[in-house]
Protein backbone atom coordinates (compact mmCIF):
# COMPACT_ATOMS: atom_id res chain seq x y z
CA MET A 1 32.17 27.14 30.29
CA LEU A 2 30.32 26.68 27.00
CA LYS A 3 30.84 23.31 25.37
CA SER A 4 32.38 23.69 21.91
CA LYS A 5 30.72 22.17 18.87
CA GLN A 6 32.44 19.26 17.17
CA ILE A 7 32.57 19.39 13.36
CA TYR A 8 33.93 16.60 11.18
CA TYR A 9 34.42 16.62 7.42
CA ALA A 10 33.66 13.94 4.86
CA LYS A 11 35.37 13.76 1.47
CA THR A 12 33.56 10.72 0.07
CA LEU A 13 30.29 8.87 0.49
CA ASN A 14 32.16 6.09 2.28
CA ASP A 15 33.44 8.68 4.76
CA ILE A 16 29.84 9.43 5.71
CA PHE A 17 29.06 5.79 6.44
CA TYR A 18 32.26 5.39 8.45
CA GLN A 19 31.71 8.51 10.56
CA LYS A 20 28.02 7.73 11.18
CA LYS A 21 29.00 4.27 12.38
CA SER A 22 31.93 5.49 14.47
CA ILE A 23 30.50 8.60 16.16
CA LYS A 24 27.26 8.45 18.10
CA ASP A 25 24.62 11.12 17.37
CA ILE A 26 26.61 12.73 14.56
CA GLN A 27 24.37 14.73 12.20
CA LEU A 28 24.95 15.63 8.55
CA MET A 29 25.15 19.28 7.58
CA SER A 30 25.91 21.31 4.49
CA GLY A 31 24.72 24.85 3.80
CA CYS A 32 22.97 25.24 7.18
CA THR A 33 20.72 28.00 5.83
CA GLN A 34 17.79 26.64 7.86
CA ASP A 35 19.51 25.92 11.15
CA LYS A 36 19.58 28.53 13.89
CA LYS A 37 22.28 26.59 15.70
CA LEU A 38 24.65 23.79 14.84
CA PRO A 39 24.22 20.27 16.26
CA GLU A 40 26.58 19.31 19.06
CA ILE A 41 28.34 16.90 16.70
CA SER A 42 28.08 17.42 12.95
CA LEU A 43 29.54 16.03 9.76
CA CYS A 44 30.03 18.48 6.90
CA VAL A 45 29.28 16.81 3.54
CA ARG A 46 29.52 19.93 1.40
CA ASN A 47 32.80 19.06 -0.33
CA ILE A 48 31.91 15.57 -1.55
CA ARG A 49 32.27 15.73 -5.33
CA GLU A 50 30.21 12.61 -6.01
CA LEU A 51 27.24 14.34 -4.35
CA ASN A 52 27.58 17.67 -6.19
CA TYR A 53 26.80 17.37 -9.89
CA SER A 54 24.11 17.54 -12.56
CA ILE A 55 23.70 15.35 -15.64
CA LYS A 56 21.06 15.69 -18.35
CA HIS A 57 19.80 12.46 -19.86
CA GLU A 58 17.28 12.14 -22.67
CA ARG A 59 14.25 11.78 -20.40
CA PHE A 60 15.43 12.99 -17.01
CA PHE A 61 17.86 15.21 -15.14
CA GLU A 62 20.06 13.72 -12.45
CA PHE A 63 21.23 15.86 -9.53
CA GLY A 64 23.64 15.21 -6.71
CA PRO A 65 22.01 16.28 -3.43
CA GLU A 66 24.80 18.73 -2.58
CA ILE A 67 24.34 20.82 -5.71
CA THR A 68 23.57 24.38 -4.69
CA LEU A 69 20.48 26.24 -5.84
CA SER A 70 22.68 28.75 -7.66
CA GLN A 71 24.33 25.93 -9.59
CA ILE A 72 20.90 24.72 -10.71
CA LEU A 73 20.04 28.22 -11.94
CA GLU A 74 23.20 28.17 -14.10
CA ILE A 75 21.57 25.42 -16.21
CA ASP A 76 19.75 26.58 -19.35
CA PRO A 77 16.12 27.07 -18.20
CA ALA A 78 14.91 25.50 -21.46
CA LYS A 79 16.42 22.19 -20.36
CA LEU A 80 14.50 22.04 -17.06
CA PRO A 81 10.78 21.80 -16.24
CA SER A 82 9.60 25.40 -15.89
CA VAL A 83 7.88 24.85 -12.53
CA PHE A 84 11.09 23.44 -11.05
CA TYR A 85 13.27 26.25 -12.38
CA GLU A 86 10.84 28.93 -11.23
CA ALA A 87 10.63 27.31 -7.78
CA VAL A 88 14.42 27.38 -7.38
CA LYS A 89 14.53 30.97 -8.60
CA SER A 90 11.89 32.01 -6.04
CA ILE A 91 13.96 30.90 -3.04
CA ALA A 92 15.56 33.60 -0.88
CA ASN A 93 18.29 35.63 -2.59
CA THR A 94 21.53 35.02 -4.46
CA ASN A 95 23.67 34.90 -1.32
CA ILE A 96 21.49 32.22 0.25
CA ARG A 97 21.16 30.25 -2.99
CA ASN A 98 24.97 30.17 -3.26
CA ILE A 99 25.14 27.97 -0.16
CA ALA A 100 21.69 26.35 0.09
CA THR A 101 21.55 22.84 -1.39
CA LEU A 102 18.91 20.75 -3.10
CA ALA A 103 19.10 18.16 -0.32
CA GLY A 104 18.65 20.82 2.34
CA ASN A 105 15.40 21.97 0.75
CA ILE A 106 14.05 18.46 0.32
CA CYS A 107 15.03 17.10 3.73
CA ALA A 108 13.95 20.03 5.92
CA LYS A 109 12.43 18.78 9.17
CA ASN A 110 8.83 19.50 10.17
CA TYR A 111 8.00 21.44 7.00
CA ARG A 112 7.82 20.94 3.24
CA TYR A 113 9.91 23.64 1.63
CA THR A 114 9.58 25.31 -1.76
CA LEU A 115 10.92 22.53 -4.01
CA PHE A 116 8.82 19.77 -2.49
CA ALA A 117 5.64 20.45 -4.49
CA PRO A 118 7.39 20.68 -7.90
CA LEU A 119 9.32 17.47 -7.26
CA VAL A 120 6.16 15.66 -6.14
CA ALA A 121 4.15 16.91 -9.13
CA LEU A 122 6.90 15.94 -11.57
CA ASP A 123 7.15 12.41 -10.13
CA ALA A 124 10.77 12.82 -9.08
CA LYS A 125 12.56 9.90 -7.45
CA LEU A 126 15.23 9.81 -4.77
CA GLU A 127 18.16 7.42 -4.67
CA LEU A 128 19.12 6.46 -1.12
CA LYS A 129 22.24 4.52 -0.24
CA SER A 130 23.42 2.60 2.78
CA GLU A 131 26.66 0.67 3.11
CA THR A 132 24.98 -2.44 1.73
CA GLU A 133 22.09 -1.41 -0.51
CA THR A 134 20.58 1.20 -2.79
CA ILE A 135 16.86 1.97 -2.85
CA TYR A 136 14.70 4.30 -4.96
CA LEU A 137 11.83 6.18 -3.43
CA PRO A 138 9.19 8.32 -5.19
CA MET A 139 8.93 11.85 -3.82
CA THR A 140 5.24 11.14 -3.21
CA LYS A 141 6.26 8.62 -0.53
CA PHE A 142 9.18 10.53 0.98
CA SER A 143 8.98 11.77 4.56
CA GLU A 144 12.58 11.55 5.75
CA VAL A 145 15.84 9.79 4.93
CA PRO A 146 15.70 6.32 6.55
CA GLU A 147 18.13 5.53 9.32
CA ASN A 148 21.57 4.41 8.09
CA PHE A 149 20.83 5.74 4.59
CA VAL A 150 22.12 8.82 2.77
CA LEU A 151 20.37 10.74 0.00
CA SER A 152 22.66 10.17 -2.98
CA LYS A 153 20.72 11.29 -6.07
CA ILE A 154 17.60 13.15 -7.21
CA ILE A 155 16.07 12.01 -10.51
CA LEU A 156 13.84 14.60 -12.18
CA PRO A 157 11.74 13.50 -15.18
CA LEU A 158 11.68 15.88 -18.15
CA GLY A 159 8.81 16.77 -20.43
CA GLU A 160 6.79 19.70 -21.74
CA TRP A 161 3.39 20.66 -20.33
CA GLU A 162 0.77 22.73 -22.10
CA VAL A 163 -0.25 24.36 -18.83
CA ALA A 164 2.34 24.69 -16.07
CA VAL A 165 1.62 26.81 -12.99
CA PHE A 166 3.96 27.34 -10.03
CA LYS A 167 3.10 29.64 -7.17
CA ARG A 168 5.03 30.29 -4.00
CA LEU A 169 2.87 31.44 -1.09
CA GLY A 170 3.91 33.46 1.94
CA PRO A 171 6.82 35.89 2.47
CA ALA A 172 9.23 36.26 -0.43
CA HIS A 173 12.48 35.46 1.38
CA LEU A 174 11.40 33.62 4.52
CA ILE A 175 9.77 30.35 5.52
CA THR A 176 6.93 30.95 7.96
CA GLU A 177 3.72 29.17 8.90
CA ASN A 178 2.11 30.93 5.91
CA SER A 179 4.66 29.54 3.43
CA ALA A 180 3.71 26.92 0.87
CA SER A 181 4.16 26.04 -2.79
CA PHE A 182 1.60 25.00 -5.40
CA VAL A 183 2.06 23.27 -8.77
CA PHE A 184 -0.47 22.52 -11.51
CA LEU A 185 0.49 20.62 -14.67
CA ALA A 186 -1.80 19.63 -17.54
CA ASP A 187 -1.63 18.21 -21.06
CA THR A 188 -4.42 17.87 -23.59
CA VAL A 189 -5.02 15.64 -26.61
CA LYS A 190 -7.75 16.39 -29.17
CA ASN A 191 -9.29 18.99 -26.89
CA GLN A 192 -9.50 16.60 -23.93
CA ILE A 193 -7.50 16.52 -20.71
CA ALA A 194 -4.92 13.74 -21.11
CA ASN A 195 -2.77 14.30 -18.03
CA LEU A 196 -3.21 16.34 -14.88
CA LYS A 197 -1.03 16.79 -11.80
CA ILE A 198 -1.63 18.98 -8.75
CA ALA A 199 0.68 19.27 -5.77
CA PHE A 200 0.70 21.45 -2.67
CA ALA A 201 3.36 21.50 0.05
CA GLY A 202 4.02 23.51 3.18
CA PRO A 203 2.84 22.45 6.65
CA PHE A 204 1.96 19.17 4.92
CA SER A 205 2.14 17.78 1.39
CA LEU A 206 -0.82 16.93 -0.83
CA ARG A 207 -1.18 15.07 -4.08
CA SER A 208 -4.00 12.68 -5.02
CA LEU A 209 -4.23 10.51 -8.14
CA GLU A 210 -7.91 10.03 -7.39
CA LEU A 211 -8.48 13.78 -7.53
CA GLU A 212 -6.43 14.17 -10.71
CA ASN A 213 -8.23 11.28 -12.42
CA ARG A 214 -11.59 13.00 -11.98
CA LEU A 215 -10.88 15.20 -14.99
CA LEU A 216 -8.98 12.83 -17.27
CA GLY A 217 -10.79 12.64 -20.58
CA ALA A 218 -12.89 15.73 -19.84
CA SER A 219 -13.63 17.90 -22.87
CA LEU A 220 -12.44 21.49 -23.05
CA PRO A 221 -13.32 24.15 -22.22
CA LEU A 222 -14.46 22.99 -18.81
CA SER A 223 -17.90 24.14 -17.76
CA GLU A 224 -18.34 26.32 -14.69
CA ASN A 225 -20.11 23.40 -13.02
CA ALA A 226 -17.24 21.00 -13.77
CA ILE A 227 -14.74 23.45 -12.28
CA LEU A 228 -16.94 23.99 -9.21
CA GLU A 229 -17.30 20.25 -8.61
CA PHE A 230 -13.55 19.72 -8.93
CA VAL A 231 -12.77 22.59 -6.54
CA GLU A 232 -15.23 21.11 -4.02
CA ALA A 233 -13.46 17.73 -4.31
CA ALA A 234 -10.10 19.48 -3.81
CA GLU A 235 -11.51 21.28 -0.77
CA LYS A 236 -12.62 17.97 0.77
CA LEU A 237 -9.20 16.42 0.11
CA TYR A 238 -7.40 19.42 1.63
CA ASP A 239 -9.53 19.28 4.78
CA GLU A 240 -8.99 15.54 5.17
CA THR A 241 -5.23 15.81 4.63
CA CYS A 242 -4.65 18.58 7.16
CA GLN A 243 -7.07 17.22 9.74
CA ASN A 244 -5.67 17.57 13.29
CA LYS A 245 -2.96 19.95 12.04
CA GLN A 246 -2.61 23.60 12.97
CA VAL A 247 -2.67 25.22 9.53
CA PRO A 248 -3.34 28.93 8.85
CA PRO A 249 -6.77 29.31 7.17
CA ILE A 250 -5.27 31.56 4.49
CA LEU A 251 -3.41 28.60 2.97
CA ARG A 252 -6.69 26.75 2.41
CA ALA A 253 -8.23 29.72 0.63
CA GLN A 254 -5.10 30.24 -1.49
CA PHE A 255 -4.94 26.56 -2.46
CA LEU A 256 -8.56 26.50 -3.63
CA ASN A 257 -8.19 29.79 -5.51
CA LEU A 258 -5.11 28.44 -7.29
CA VAL A 259 -6.88 25.22 -8.25
CA LYS A 260 -9.76 27.23 -9.74
CA TYR A 261 -7.41 29.66 -11.51
CA SER A 262 -5.35 26.82 -12.99
CA LEU A 263 -8.39 24.98 -14.32
CA GLU A 264 -9.54 28.18 -15.99
CA GLN A 265 -6.26 28.27 -17.94
CA LEU A 266 -7.30 25.10 -19.79
CA THR A 267 -8.84 26.06 -23.13
């Protein structure tokens, strides 16, 4: 006889802490758009109101982790960073976005899904709560939700960028080994590069302040030699980051092509 799955339901954040403490091996679930099968014991957090919301502040947007992707797309695009909005819009289809959540995309195991690169590039922060404390973690340092903590908030900085490039790689409506996302952001002041951010995420995530700083203060337009040298530095960083990982070669080529293309947009 097949053993039936056990599903519990939480109505508040405190319910989550109580159930996690009371039931061994219970796992949180929400939209389940990534999971091929349910855990043996799961806790549905989908209906917790304090985790499903969005608030616009002057300098940042605040999201509850259980907000669906469709709910994000209902926000005026002019109020959100374009690379973030376009990344959400590129995910699957309307039916999937109606149930897929922001937390589900961020916390996917063993892979960095579509929203990871935009959140890393935009210097988003995560609020994580336990029964006794609250901590804030930059997306650049996030790998997984720590034990006994729950993702309670995503803080997304706002701001306009002169050049903003988002590109989703791989199949349009699936996540495969060839899937990844790329983000390039740049601002200029008096015809010089004043701010630069590059992020890549898929089988692994990549962002380097050292790489970005190489071009700060550079005069525009960039020379062919300056672009070539930067692409070579990006290539070295990519190879070092994915060392000892099984990564499709096509992603390397696409990453480098996108870096070169993005730099050429700076005028």
